[in-house]
Amino acid sequence: MGRTALAAAVAAAVVSSGAMADTTVSPDARKDLGLTVYNGGTALVRDTRTVSVSAGRSVLSFTDVAAQIQPETALLKGAPFEVLQQNFDFDLLSPQKLLEKAVGGTVQLYRINPASGEETHETATVLGANNGVVLEVNGHIEAMDGVTGPNTRLVFDRLPPGLRSRPTLSMTVDSKAARSDDLMLTYLTGGLSWKADYVANLAPDDKSLSLQGWITVTNTSGADYDDASLQVVAGQVNRVSQNYRRDMAASAPAPMAKMASAPSEESFFDYHLYTVPGRITLADNQTKQLALLEAPRIAGKRILESRGNGYWYWSRVGEIQPDHASITLKFENREANGLGMPLPGGVIRVYKEDSRGQAQFVGEDNIDHTPKNEEVTLDLGQAFDVTVLRKQTDFRQTPKQDGQIAETTTSWQVSVKNGKKEAVDVRVVEPMQGDWTVTQESQPHVKESSTEAVWTVKVPAEGESGFTYTVVTRRVP
């Protein structure tokens, strides 16, 4: 179908609801637009437009609403008239949809003779529009694979009722008088989501870091948002599960320095609300990043750790496969530590400069929503040069009279090897099950919880250190 013919059909069409006038409220009438985006792919749209109504009953058609609008959430705030009914029209205009709506009706079939260039036309009846089109022309049947061929076009007399060129929310209203007002249409929509992304740069001594945070907003809602205010909410807002999608860097730290363009943050209900300064334009199928925070210096610490397994203290296991120590980065989210603001959940990617001053990626981890004054822990990977070898040197069990095991005694030898050119401290964490007691040890442990014994081993550069211990475990009745 030619573009000119289709445009003429659309321009000539009048969508009616009985005898009621239909007034189109287009984005050209927009006075303000605001978005609040939540974790999980939901957003609240606040769309203020100038609305003109006639006296009596009429239809208001709000075009260019989000294609993933949840129409049952729509509310026209401050309306000085009664809203009787509303419909969401998402059956959008396309050549295929035109054909489907025209089945049983007539169209004009235009053909061009490839040899002469002469164009002729005939009236045709549309018999089918499934995977092509079937027409009845002058008593015979014609089938075409596509909507039209290279030398063929179809012209429609009118636009079928109910077919819209854009997603449209229509409302049947009753007004006592003709009037014009600026009204806010609010609704929830899917297809808008946000997340926090962070970039951390470690200092050369691994005792401090800088942190930049970004708000990453993605729009697949089926609408463009031009010159809109933006707020994002951090926290898990409960929603009833439904599918609305339709096809259509080591000294005292410096205080945190927020960028002038960073969002303001406030507690809201039991969540945190971030308001982005100024206005944004967010097109459909677009991802945009906006500054969230900048903290130039945060005191932190890198920790090397090896974690055992609780079942080893109930079983005969002998020598355990050597374990590479895990690398953990920790820092306090406190104002005195150069940070001190609620951190929305997201991925923190960590970089560090090499000997040439070039930034290298050293690991990443996901954090949950982290309140102010809480600790942030990042698992970055495993240390190449630091290994821990555990060897069970004794295993004894004492049975009860009924044959059940009363207690188990195991003895262990732990060796920590360091291939690095500097000394390291390694935390050896042993999870304990049941009622346990360390009865002998060559180095004192710390009982950090009811289920964990921790030994911190100092290992010289390119050297090895270790310790031994014996533990008695008893089953809890």
Protein backbone atom coordinates (compact mmCIF):
# COMPACT_ATOMS: atom_id res chain seq x y z
CA MET A 1 0.00 0.00 0.00
CA GLY A 2 1.37 3.42 -0.95
CA ARG A 3 2.22 5.87 1.80
CA THR A 4 0.13 8.64 0.24
CA ALA A 5 -2.99 6.49 0.05
CA LEU A 6 -2.54 5.27 3.63
CA ALA A 7 -1.99 8.83 4.92
CA ALA A 8 -5.12 10.00 3.13
CA ALA A 9 -7.13 7.20 4.67
CA VAL A 10 -5.91 8.06 8.15
CA ALA A 11 -6.54 11.79 7.65
CA ALA A 12 -10.08 11.16 6.44
CA ALA A 13 -10.96 8.75 9.22
CA VAL A 14 -13.09 9.82 12.15
CA VAL A 15 -13.15 7.43 15.11
CA SER A 16 -16.56 7.70 16.67
CA SER A 17 -18.38 6.40 19.71
CA GLY A 18 -21.99 6.54 18.67
CA ALA A 19 -22.88 10.18 18.06
CA MET A 20 -20.37 11.48 20.63
CA ALA A 21 -17.56 13.79 19.59
CA ASP A 22 -14.05 12.36 19.90
CA THR A 23 -11.41 14.85 21.00
CA THR A 24 -7.78 13.83 20.54
CA VAL A 25 -5.52 14.88 23.44
CA SER A 26 -2.09 14.57 21.84
CA PRO A 27 1.41 15.12 23.30
CA ASP A 28 1.29 18.57 21.66
CA ALA A 29 -1.09 19.53 24.50
CA ARG A 30 1.39 18.38 27.15
CA LYS A 31 2.29 20.84 29.90
CA ASP A 32 4.44 18.60 32.10
CA LEU A 33 5.70 15.02 32.27
CA GLY A 34 7.14 13.14 35.24
CA LEU A 35 8.37 9.58 35.81
CA THR A 36 8.92 7.61 39.00
CA VAL A 37 10.72 4.34 38.18
CA TYR A 38 10.79 1.41 40.60
CA ASN A 39 13.04 -1.63 40.91
CA GLY A 40 11.48 -4.51 39.01
CA GLY A 41 10.32 -2.91 35.75
CA THR A 42 7.40 -0.71 36.84
CA ALA A 43 7.03 3.05 36.56
CA LEU A 44 4.47 5.69 37.51
CA VAL A 45 3.80 8.18 34.71
CA ARG A 46 2.45 11.67 35.49
CA ASP A 47 1.35 13.26 32.21
CA THR A 48 -0.21 16.76 32.41
CA ARG A 49 -2.00 17.92 29.26
CA THR A 50 -4.48 20.65 28.34
CA VAL A 51 -7.83 18.91 27.99
CA SER A 52 -10.81 20.49 26.20
CA VAL A 53 -14.27 18.94 26.51
CA SER A 54 -17.65 19.72 25.03
CA ALA A 55 -20.84 20.04 27.04
CA GLY A 56 -22.51 16.69 27.55
CA ARG A 57 -20.98 13.34 26.75
CA SER A 58 -17.86 13.05 24.64
CA VAL A 59 -14.78 10.89 24.17
CA LEU A 60 -11.28 12.03 25.13
CA SER A 61 -8.50 10.12 23.38
CA PHE A 62 -5.07 10.41 25.04
CA THR A 63 -2.61 9.35 22.35
CA ASP A 64 1.02 8.26 22.79
CA VAL A 65 0.55 6.68 26.18
CA ALA A 66 2.90 3.79 27.04
CA ALA A 67 2.16 0.63 25.08
CA GLN A 68 2.62 -1.34 28.32
CA ILE A 69 0.24 0.83 30.30
CA GLN A 70 -1.78 -0.96 32.97
CA PRO A 71 -5.08 0.72 32.07
CA GLU A 72 -6.86 -0.21 35.28
CA THR A 73 -4.39 2.05 37.14
CA ALA A 74 -5.17 5.15 35.02
CA LEU A 75 -6.50 8.18 36.89
CA LEU A 76 -7.34 11.62 35.55
CA LYS A 77 -6.54 13.81 38.55
CA GLY A 78 -8.60 16.92 39.24
CA ALA A 79 -11.12 16.34 36.43
CA PRO A 80 -14.08 18.79 36.78
CA PHE A 81 -16.30 16.32 34.93
CA GLU A 82 -17.40 12.73 35.34
CA VAL A 83 -15.45 9.87 33.74
CA LEU A 84 -17.93 7.17 32.75
CA GLN A 85 -15.82 4.68 30.85
CA GLN A 86 -12.27 4.16 29.60
CA ASN A 87 -10.68 1.93 26.99
CA PHE A 88 -7.09 1.19 26.05
CA ASP A 89 -6.65 0.74 22.31
CA PHE A 90 -3.49 -1.17 21.48
CA ASP A 91 -4.62 -2.64 18.13
CA LEU A 92 -2.22 -0.44 16.15
CA LEU A 93 -2.33 0.61 12.54
CA SER A 94 -0.25 -1.38 10.05
CA PRO A 95 -0.82 -2.66 6.47
CA GLN A 96 -1.51 -6.15 7.82
CA LYS A 97 -3.98 -4.86 10.42
CA LEU A 98 -5.77 -2.82 7.73
CA LEU A 99 -6.23 -5.97 5.68
CA GLU A 100 -7.43 -8.00 8.65
CA LYS A 101 -10.06 -5.36 9.45
CA ALA A 102 -11.09 -5.16 5.78
CA VAL A 103 -11.90 -8.88 5.38
CA GLY A 104 -15.37 -9.06 3.82
CA GLY A 105 -15.16 -5.47 2.55
CA THR A 106 -13.84 -3.88 -0.62
CA VAL A 107 -10.60 -2.09 -1.52
CA GLN A 108 -9.22 -0.49 -4.64
CA LEU A 109 -6.54 -2.60 -6.38
CA TYR A 110 -4.05 -0.57 -8.43
CA ARG A 111 -1.62 -2.23 -10.85
CA ILE A 112 1.24 -0.85 -12.96
CA ASN A 113 2.10 -2.48 -16.29
CA PRO A 114 5.89 -3.04 -16.12
CA ALA A 115 6.23 -2.63 -19.90
CA SER A 116 4.13 0.48 -20.49
CA GLY A 117 4.10 2.01 -17.02
CA GLU A 118 0.32 2.42 -17.33
CA GLU A 119 -1.65 2.14 -14.06
CA THR A 120 -5.09 0.59 -13.87
CA HIS A 121 -7.39 -0.07 -10.93
CA GLU A 122 -10.23 -2.40 -10.01
CA THR A 123 -12.53 -2.90 -7.06
CA ALA A 124 -11.64 -6.04 -5.08
CA THR A 125 -13.21 -7.89 -2.17
CA VAL A 126 -10.87 -9.00 0.60
CA LEU A 127 -11.53 -12.68 1.32
CA GLY A 128 -8.61 -13.45 3.66
CA ALA A 129 -5.55 -11.84 5.21
CA ASN A 130 -3.66 -14.73 6.81
CA ASN A 131 0.01 -14.99 5.73
CA GLY A 132 -0.74 -12.86 2.68
CA VAL A 133 -3.94 -11.64 1.10
CA VAL A 134 -6.71 -13.33 -0.93
CA LEU A 135 -8.83 -11.10 -3.16
CA GLU A 136 -11.87 -11.60 -5.38
CA VAL A 137 -11.47 -9.45 -8.53
CA ASN A 138 -14.02 -9.48 -11.32
CA GLY A 139 -15.27 -12.94 -10.42
CA HIS A 140 -11.88 -14.59 -10.04
CA ILE A 141 -9.63 -15.22 -7.04
CA GLU A 142 -6.14 -13.75 -6.63
CA ALA A 143 -3.63 -14.59 -3.88
CA MET A 144 -0.52 -12.60 -3.01
CA ASP A 145 2.22 -13.72 -0.64
CA GLY A 146 2.67 -10.25 0.85
CA VAL A 147 0.33 -7.36 1.46
CA THR A 148 1.16 -6.02 -2.01
CA GLY A 149 3.48 -6.88 -4.88
CA PRO A 150 6.21 -4.73 -6.48
CA ASN A 151 3.76 -3.26 -9.03
CA THR A 152 0.60 -3.50 -6.96
CA ARG A 153 -0.94 -1.36 -4.24
CA LEU A 154 -4.17 -1.36 -2.30
CA VAL A 155 -6.17 1.76 -1.42
CA PHE A 156 -8.64 1.70 1.45
CA ASP A 157 -11.71 3.93 1.50
CA ARG A 158 -11.52 4.57 5.23
CA LEU A 159 -9.75 3.67 8.44
CA PRO A 160 -11.58 0.80 10.21
CA PRO A 161 -13.08 1.67 13.61
CA GLY A 162 -10.95 0.77 16.64
CA LEU A 163 -7.65 0.86 14.76
CA ARG A 164 -5.19 3.44 16.13
CA SER A 165 -1.90 4.73 14.81
CA ARG A 166 -0.53 5.01 18.38
CA PRO A 167 -1.37 3.45 21.76
CA THR A 168 -4.40 5.40 22.94
CA LEU A 169 -6.30 5.64 26.23
CA SER A 170 -9.84 6.83 25.53
CA MET A 171 -12.31 8.04 28.15
CA THR A 172 -16.02 8.64 27.83
CA VAL A 173 -16.77 11.72 29.94
CA ASP A 174 -19.80 13.80 30.86
CA SER A 175 -19.29 17.54 31.39
CA LYS A 176 -21.92 20.09 32.44
CA ALA A 177 -20.27 22.74 30.26
CA ALA A 178 -17.65 23.14 27.58
CA ARG A 179 -14.31 23.89 29.22
CA SER A 180 -10.52 23.60 28.97
CA ASP A 181 -8.29 22.56 31.89
CA ASP A 182 -4.75 21.35 32.57
CA LEU A 183 -5.25 17.84 33.98
CA MET A 184 -2.81 15.16 35.10
CA LEU A 185 -3.18 11.63 33.77
CA THR A 186 -1.38 9.17 36.03
CA TYR A 187 -0.87 5.46 35.37
CA LEU A 188 1.48 2.56 36.01
CA THR A 189 3.32 0.97 33.13
CA GLY A 190 5.70 -1.90 32.56
CA GLY A 191 8.79 -1.66 30.41
CA LEU A 192 10.57 1.01 32.45
CA SER A 193 13.30 -0.15 34.81
CA TRP A 194 16.35 1.18 36.60
CA LYS A 195 19.37 -0.17 38.40
CA ALA A 196 22.43 1.25 40.12
CA ASP A 197 25.88 0.71 38.63
CA TYR A 198 29.11 1.60 40.44
CA VAL A 199 32.75 1.99 39.41
CA ALA A 200 35.41 1.69 42.14
CA ASN A 201 39.11 2.47 41.71
CA LEU A 202 41.50 0.94 44.25
CA ALA A 203 44.47 2.91 45.54
CA PRO A 204 47.94 1.35 44.97
CA ASP A 205 48.14 0.18 48.60
CA ASP A 206 44.62 -1.36 48.49
CA LYS A 207 43.66 0.65 51.60
CA SER A 208 41.32 3.16 49.99
CA LEU A 209 39.17 3.55 46.91
CA SER A 210 37.16 6.08 44.97
CA LEU A 211 33.55 5.32 44.04
CA GLN A 212 31.28 6.60 41.30
CA GLY A 213 27.63 5.64 41.11
CA TRP A 214 25.27 5.75 38.15
CA ILE A 215 21.54 5.41 37.67
CA THR A 216 20.92 3.25 34.60
CA VAL A 217 17.38 3.64 33.22
CA THR A 218 16.02 1.44 30.42
CA ASN A 219 12.86 2.18 28.46
CA THR A 220 11.04 -0.55 26.53
CA SER A 221 7.55 0.69 27.44
CA GLY A 222 6.52 1.62 23.89
CA ALA A 223 6.55 5.40 24.43
CA ASP A 224 9.01 8.29 24.28
CA TYR A 225 9.36 10.61 27.29
CA ASP A 226 10.48 14.07 26.23
CA ASP A 227 11.66 16.70 28.72
CA ALA A 228 10.49 14.66 31.72
CA SER A 229 11.35 14.91 35.39
CA LEU A 230 12.75 11.65 36.78
CA GLN A 231 12.67 10.02 40.20
CA VAL A 232 13.75 6.48 41.07
CA VAL A 233 12.76 4.45 44.11
CA ALA A 234 15.18 2.04 45.81
CA GLY A 235 13.45 -0.78 47.66
CA GLN A 236 11.22 -3.73 46.93
CA VAL A 237 7.69 -2.49 46.36
CA ASN A 238 5.29 -5.42 46.39
CA ARG A 239 3.28 -5.95 43.21
CA VAL A 240 0.67 -8.58 42.45
CA SER A 241 2.21 -10.81 39.78
CA GLN A 242 0.56 -10.22 36.42
CA ASN A 243 1.80 -10.15 32.83
CA TYR A 244 0.98 -6.79 31.30
CA ARG A 245 3.27 -6.94 28.28
CA ARG A 246 1.49 -6.68 24.96
CA ASP A 247 2.72 -7.37 21.43
CA MET A 248 2.58 -4.25 19.60
CA ALA A 249 41.45 4.13 47.44
CA ALA A 250 45.12 4.90 53.64
CA SER A 251 45.12 7.92 55.48
CA ALA A 252 42.25 9.72 57.15
CA PRO A 253 39.45 9.77 54.54
CA ALA A 254 38.16 12.97 53.03
CA PRO A 255 34.45 13.86 53.31
CA MET A 256 32.27 12.66 50.50
CA ALA A 257 32.02 15.10 47.59
CA LYS A 258 28.70 14.88 45.81
CA MET A 259 28.51 16.21 42.28
CA ALA A 260 26.34 19.27 41.76
CA SER A 261 24.34 17.27 39.22
CA ALA A 262 23.81 14.27 41.52
CA PRO A 263 20.27 13.35 42.56
CA SER A 264 18.89 14.42 45.91
CA GLU A 265 17.97 11.56 48.24
CA GLU A 266 15.21 11.32 50.82
CA SER A 267 13.51 8.67 52.90
CA PHE A 268 10.07 7.96 51.52
CA PHE A 269 7.68 5.57 53.29
CA ASP A 270 9.99 2.57 53.92
CA TYR A 271 11.99 3.17 50.73
CA HIS A 272 14.49 5.72 49.44
CA LEU A 273 13.59 8.21 46.73
CA TYR A 274 16.20 9.76 44.43
CA THR A 275 15.23 12.87 42.44
CA VAL A 276 17.34 13.58 39.35
CA PRO A 277 17.94 17.33 38.86
CA GLY A 278 16.70 18.98 35.68
CA ARG A 279 14.85 17.18 32.91
CA ILE A 280 15.65 14.19 30.72
CA THR A 281 14.55 12.80 27.38
CA LEU A 282 14.22 9.03 27.26
CA ALA A 283 13.31 7.44 23.93
CA ASP A 284 11.66 4.06 23.55
CA ASN A 285 14.21 1.23 23.38
CA GLN A 286 16.89 3.43 24.94
CA THR A 287 19.14 3.08 27.98
CA LYS A 288 20.38 6.23 29.70
CA GLN A 289 22.93 6.67 32.52
CA LEU A 290 22.74 9.51 35.02
CA ALA A 291 25.17 10.45 37.79
CA LEU A 292 24.19 9.16 41.24
CA LEU A 293 27.17 9.89 43.49
CA GLU A 294 30.92 10.49 43.60
CA ALA A 295 33.07 9.68 46.64
CA PRO A 296 36.72 10.47 45.92
CA ARG A 297 38.22 8.63 48.89
CA ILE A 298 36.82 5.84 51.03
CA ALA A 299 38.89 3.87 53.54
CA GLY A 300 38.71 0.17 52.76
CA LYS A 301 40.55 -3.06 53.26
CA ARG A 302 41.38 -6.05 51.12
CA ILE A 303 40.99 -9.41 52.87
CA LEU A 304 42.33 -12.82 51.82
CA GLU A 305 40.25 -15.66 53.19
CA SER A 306 39.89 -19.43 52.93
CA ARG A 307 36.72 -21.08 54.13
CA GLY A 308 36.44 -24.74 55.13
CA ASN A 309 33.49 -27.10 55.26
CA GLY A 310 31.46 -28.21 58.29
CA TYR A 311 31.09 -31.85 57.30
CA TRP A 312 34.87 -32.38 57.53
CA TYR A 313 34.51 -32.51 61.34
CA TRP A 314 32.23 -35.55 61.18
CA SER A 315 34.04 -37.52 58.47
CA ARG A 316 37.41 -39.10 57.71
CA VAL A 317 38.73 -36.97 54.87
CA GLY A 318 42.55 -37.08 54.96
CA GLU A 319 44.19 -34.38 52.82
CA ILE A 320 41.98 -31.72 51.25
CA GLN A 321 42.58 -30.32 47.78
CA PRO A 322 44.56 -27.01 48.05
CA ASP A 323 42.31 -23.96 48.11
CA HIS A 324 43.11 -20.57 46.57
CA ALA A 325 42.28 -17.78 49.02
CA SER A 326 39.31 -15.65 48.04
CA ILE A 327 39.75 -11.86 47.64
CA THR A 328 37.28 -9.69 49.54
CA LEU A 329 37.06 -5.90 49.60
CA LYS A 330 35.26 -4.27 52.54
CA PHE A 331 34.42 -0.67 53.39
CA GLU A 332 32.07 1.12 55.77
CA ASN A 333 29.20 3.16 54.34
CA ARG A 334 29.71 5.95 56.88
CA GLU A 335 29.99 9.70 56.47
CA ALA A 336 33.20 9.70 58.55
CA ASN A 337 34.57 7.17 56.04
CA GLY A 338 33.98 9.38 53.01
CA LEU A 339 30.60 7.95 52.01
CA GLY A 340 27.49 7.77 54.22
CA MET A 341 24.38 7.58 52.04
CA PRO A 342 21.86 4.84 51.21
CA LEU A 343 23.29 2.80 48.35
CA PRO A 344 20.75 1.27 45.96
CA GLY A 345 21.44 -2.35 45.06
CA GLY A 346 23.54 -2.91 41.96
CA VAL A 347 26.86 -4.10 40.58
CA ILE A 348 30.14 -2.59 41.77
CA ARG A 349 32.97 -3.05 39.26
CA VAL A 350 36.45 -2.61 40.70
CA TYR A 351 39.55 -1.36 38.84
CA LYS A 352 43.18 -0.79 39.81
CA GLU A 353 46.10 0.77 37.97
CA ASP A 354 48.99 -1.47 36.93
CA SER A 355 52.70 -0.54 36.99
CA ARG A 356 52.21 1.48 33.79
CA GLY A 357 49.37 3.51 35.26
CA GLN A 358 46.73 1.77 33.16
CA ALA A 359 43.44 0.81 34.79
CA GLN A 360 42.78 -2.94 34.91
CA PHE A 361 39.57 -4.71 35.89
CA VAL A 362 40.06 -6.78 39.08
CA GLY A 363 36.55 -8.06 39.82
CA GLU A 364 32.94 -7.19 40.48
CA ASP A 365 30.13 -8.10 42.84
CA ASN A 366 26.47 -7.34 43.33
CA ILE A 367 25.34 -5.50 46.47
CA ASP A 368 21.87 -5.40 48.00
CA HIS A 369 20.26 -2.13 49.02
CA THR A 370 22.71 -0.93 51.69
CA PRO A 371 21.57 1.55 54.34
CA LYS A 372 23.81 4.26 55.72
CA ASN A 373 26.34 3.08 58.37
CA GLU A 374 26.34 -0.53 57.12
CA GLU A 375 29.37 -2.44 55.81
CA VAL A 376 29.80 -3.25 52.12
CA THR A 377 31.48 -6.56 51.26
CA LEU A 378 32.61 -7.38 47.73
CA ASP A 379 33.79 -10.81 46.58
CA LEU A 380 36.28 -10.07 43.80
CA GLY A 381 37.74 -13.49 42.93
CA GLN A 382 40.54 -15.85 44.00
CA ALA A 383 44.20 -15.06 44.72
CA PHE A 384 46.53 -16.70 42.21
CA ASP A 385 49.58 -16.85 44.54
CA VAL A 386 48.01 -17.65 47.93
CA THR A 387 46.95 -21.25 48.64
CA VAL A 388 45.74 -23.06 51.75
CA LEU A 389 46.31 -26.80 52.32
CA ARG A 390 44.33 -28.64 55.01
CA LYS A 391 45.27 -32.11 56.22
CA GLN A 392 43.30 -34.20 58.71
CA THR A 393 45.94 -35.87 60.90
CA ASP A 394 43.65 -37.75 63.33
CA PHE A 395 40.06 -38.93 63.37
CA ARG A 396 38.28 -40.61 66.34
CA GLN A 397 34.64 -41.21 67.14
CA THR A 398 33.02 -42.18 70.48
CA PRO A 399 29.75 -44.09 70.18
CA LYS A 400 26.83 -44.09 72.62
CA GLN A 401 25.40 -47.29 74.08
CA ASP A 402 22.70 -47.29 71.39
CA GLY A 403 25.35 -47.23 68.69
CA GLN A 404 24.87 -43.58 67.70
CA ILE A 405 27.94 -41.34 67.54
CA ALA A 406 28.29 -39.25 70.71
CA GLU A 407 31.27 -37.12 69.69
CA THR A 408 33.98 -36.84 67.05
CA THR A 409 37.59 -35.74 67.61
CA THR A 410 39.60 -34.52 64.62
CA SER A 411 43.12 -33.05 64.42
CA TRP A 412 44.27 -30.79 61.62
CA GLN A 413 47.39 -29.33 60.06
CA VAL A 414 46.91 -26.16 57.99
CA SER A 415 49.62 -24.76 55.68
CA VAL A 416 49.35 -21.39 53.94
CA LYS A 417 51.71 -20.67 51.03
CA ASN A 418 52.38 -17.19 49.66
CA GLY A 419 53.98 -16.75 46.24
CA LYS A 420 53.69 -12.96 46.30
CA LYS A 421 56.65 -10.62 46.81
CA GLU A 422 55.02 -9.07 49.87
CA ALA A 423 53.79 -10.55 53.14
CA VAL A 424 50.08 -11.24 53.50
CA ASP A 425 47.54 -11.98 56.24
CA VAL A 426 45.14 -14.80 55.48
CA ARG A 427 41.95 -15.57 57.39
CA VAL A 428 41.31 -19.31 57.71
CA VAL A 429 37.63 -19.73 58.54
CA GLU A 430 36.38 -23.12 59.75
CA PRO A 431 32.60 -23.67 59.97
CA MET A 432 31.72 -25.93 62.91
CA GLN A 433 28.57 -27.97 63.32
CA GLY A 434 26.84 -29.05 66.52
CA ASP A 435 28.43 -28.39 69.93
CA TRP A 436 32.18 -27.88 69.33
CA THR A 437 35.31 -27.14 71.38
CA VAL A 438 38.87 -26.50 70.22
CA THR A 439 40.89 -28.54 72.73
CA GLN A 440 44.41 -27.91 71.39
CA GLU A 441 45.92 -25.36 68.99
CA SER A 442 49.35 -24.01 68.07
CA GLN A 443 47.89 -20.56 67.38
CA PRO A 444 44.83 -19.06 69.13
CA HIS A 445 41.60 -18.79 67.21
CA VAL A 446 38.75 -16.28 67.44
CA LYS A 447 35.21 -17.54 67.88
CA GLU A 448 33.43 -15.06 65.60
CA SER A 449 30.07 -16.80 65.92
CA SER A 450 28.53 -19.96 67.32
CA THR A 451 29.40 -21.78 64.10
CA GLU A 452 32.80 -20.34 63.12
CA ALA A 453 36.40 -20.52 64.36
CA VAL A 454 38.83 -18.14 62.65
CA TRP A 455 42.65 -18.22 62.57
CA THR A 456 44.54 -15.28 61.02
CA VAL A 457 47.86 -16.43 59.57
CA LYS A 458 50.72 -14.05 58.79
CA VAL A 459 52.64 -15.39 55.81
CA PRO A 460 56.03 -13.91 54.75
CA ALA A 461 56.77 -12.94 51.17
CA GLU A 462 57.36 -16.02 49.02
CA GLY A 463 57.05 -18.09 52.20
CA GLU A 464 54.85 -20.46 54.13
CA SER A 465 53.15 -20.46 57.55
CA GLY A 466 50.73 -22.73 59.30
CA PHE A 467 49.16 -24.01 62.49
CA THR A 468 47.63 -27.15 64.02
CA TYR A 469 44.53 -27.71 66.12
CA THR A 470 42.23 -30.37 67.51
CA VAL A 471 38.47 -29.98 67.81
CA VAL A 472 35.81 -32.09 69.53
CA THR A 473 32.31 -31.92 68.07
CA ARG A 474 29.17 -33.33 69.68
CA ARG A 475 25.78 -33.77 68.12
CA VAL A 476 23.08 -31.57 69.57
CA PRO A 477 20.07 -33.66 70.73
